[in-house]
């Protein structure tokens, strides 16, 4: 399983960015894709995720109401729409896939998001 994240960049506070994660390889619908982030000097933290079957989404409290995760099963793509960005959202954003049948986690390379004040 391979993941490729894209869409990062520099944006002013209050702005928006849309990240995409393309998942390829041997995957099934019995899986979930999640976004994590790691800010400078901080530990990696969970941002939000979506189950491929059913489309249930879940978010960490700090992004609820601002970030939205969606999926396009036909394109094996998961998007993270980020609105009302804050400087504290600055981080490298990474996408993760978890296959429930094996318990395996897969990570892609991150994409940098920088929010200026």
Protein backbone atom coordinates (compact mmCIF):
# COMPACT_ATOMS: atom_id res chain seq x y z
CA UNK A 1 0.00 0.00 0.00
CA UNK A 2 1.39 3.40 -0.98
CA UNK A 3 0.12 6.82 -0.04
CA UNK A 4 0.92 10.14 -1.65
CA UNK A 5 -0.11 13.38 0.00
CA UNK A 6 -0.18 16.73 -1.76
CA UNK A 7 -1.70 20.18 -1.56
CA UNK A 8 0.29 21.85 1.18
CA UNK A 9 1.52 25.40 1.00
CA UNK A 10 1.67 28.80 2.64
CA UNK A 11 -1.56 30.56 3.55
CA UNK A 12 -2.56 33.47 5.75
CA UNK A 13 -4.55 32.95 8.91
CA UNK A 14 -8.22 32.58 8.08
CA UNK A 15 -7.46 31.08 4.71
CA UNK A 16 -8.10 27.62 3.30
CA UNK A 17 -6.15 24.73 1.85
CA UNK A 18 -7.17 21.37 0.48
CA UNK A 19 -4.92 18.36 0.92
CA UNK A 20 -5.25 15.15 -1.05
CA UNK A 21 -4.03 11.63 -0.30
CA UNK A 22 -3.98 9.06 -3.06
CA UNK A 23 -3.98 5.49 -1.79
CA UNK A 24 -2.70 2.80 -4.14
CA UNK A 25 -1.83 -0.86 -3.90
CA UNK A 26 -3.74 -3.70 -2.30
CA UNK A 27 -6.52 -2.06 -0.33
CA UNK A 28 -10.04 -3.02 0.63
CA UNK A 29 -13.07 -1.16 1.85
CA UNK A 30 -12.42 -2.62 5.31
CA UNK A 31 -10.00 0.17 6.01
CA UNK A 32 -9.69 3.73 7.18
CA UNK A 33 -7.58 6.66 6.11
CA UNK A 34 -6.52 9.29 8.59
CA UNK A 35 -4.60 12.54 8.62
CA UNK A 36 -1.97 13.26 11.22
CA UNK A 37 0.21 16.30 11.67
CA UNK A 38 3.47 17.14 13.35
CA UNK A 39 4.24 20.75 14.16
CA UNK A 40 7.70 22.11 14.89
CA UNK A 41 8.90 20.74 18.20
CA UNK A 42 5.67 18.84 18.73
CA UNK A 43 4.64 15.21 18.75
CA UNK A 44 2.65 13.76 15.93
CA UNK A 45 -1.07 14.15 16.54
CA UNK A 46 -4.22 12.74 15.00
CA UNK A 47 -6.26 15.23 12.98
CA UNK A 48 -9.14 13.24 11.55
CA UNK A 49 -10.07 10.10 9.68
CA UNK A 50 -12.66 8.41 7.50
CA UNK A 51 -13.75 4.84 7.09
CA UNK A 52 -13.83 3.64 3.51
CA UNK A 53 -16.96 1.59 4.16
CA UNK A 54 -19.79 3.81 5.31
CA UNK A 55 -17.82 7.03 5.21
CA UNK A 56 -17.95 7.73 8.93
CA UNK A 57 -15.66 10.60 9.84
CA UNK A 58 -14.05 11.60 13.10
CA UNK A 59 -11.93 14.57 14.12
CA UNK A 60 -9.83 15.84 16.92
CA UNK A 61 -11.54 18.62 18.87
CA UNK A 62 -9.23 21.40 17.75
CA UNK A 63 -10.27 21.07 14.09
CA UNK A 64 -13.97 20.26 14.42
CA UNK A 65 -16.06 22.69 12.43
CA UNK A 66 -13.04 23.86 10.43
CA UNK A 67 -11.70 20.73 8.73
CA UNK A 68 -13.65 18.26 6.63
CA UNK A 69 -12.51 14.86 5.37
CA UNK A 70 -14.06 13.31 2.29
CA UNK A 71 -13.28 10.38 0.03
CA UNK A 72 -13.61 9.43 -3.59
CA UNK A 73 -13.62 5.65 -3.67
CA UNK A 74 -13.37 5.51 -7.45
CA UNK A 75 -10.14 7.50 -7.34
CA UNK A 76 -8.88 6.01 -4.05
CA UNK A 77 -8.42 9.54 -2.81
CA UNK A 78 -9.08 11.11 0.56
CA UNK A 79 -9.20 14.88 0.85
CA UNK A 80 -8.76 17.14 3.85
CA UNK A 81 -10.45 20.50 3.38
CA UNK A 82 -9.04 22.97 5.88
CA UNK A 83 -10.85 26.26 6.46
CA UNK A 84 -10.33 29.09 8.93
CA UNK A 85 -6.71 28.10 9.29
CA UNK A 86 -4.77 29.26 12.31
CA UNK A 87 -1.01 29.64 12.84
CA UNK A 88 -1.16 26.70 15.25
CA UNK A 89 -2.27 24.51 12.34
CA UNK A 90 1.23 24.89 10.90
CA UNK A 91 2.69 21.39 10.58
CA UNK A 92 3.72 18.62 8.26
CA UNK A 93 0.53 16.76 7.42
CA UNK A 94 0.75 13.02 6.80
CA UNK A 95 -1.85 10.55 5.63
CA UNK A 96 -2.15 7.10 7.08
CA UNK A 97 -4.05 4.02 5.98
CA UNK A 98 -5.05 1.24 8.31
CA UNK A 99 -6.29 -2.11 7.06
CA UNK A 100 -8.57 -3.65 9.66
CA UNK A 101 -8.06 -7.21 8.42
CA UNK A 102 -4.33 -7.15 9.11
CA UNK A 103 -4.00 -4.29 11.56
CA UNK A 104 -1.23 -2.87 9.40
CA UNK A 105 -0.61 0.87 9.17
CA UNK A 106 0.86 2.56 6.13
CA UNK A 107 2.26 6.07 5.94
CA UNK A 108 2.91 8.45 3.12
CA UNK A 109 5.39 11.30 2.98
CA UNK A 110 4.06 14.48 4.47
CA UNK A 111 3.11 17.78 2.96
CA UNK A 112 3.99 21.05 4.65
CA UNK A 113 1.26 23.46 5.69
CA UNK A 114 2.34 26.87 6.94
CA UNK A 115 -0.15 29.41 8.25
CA UNK A 116 1.12 32.94 8.70
CA UNK A 117 -0.39 35.35 11.19
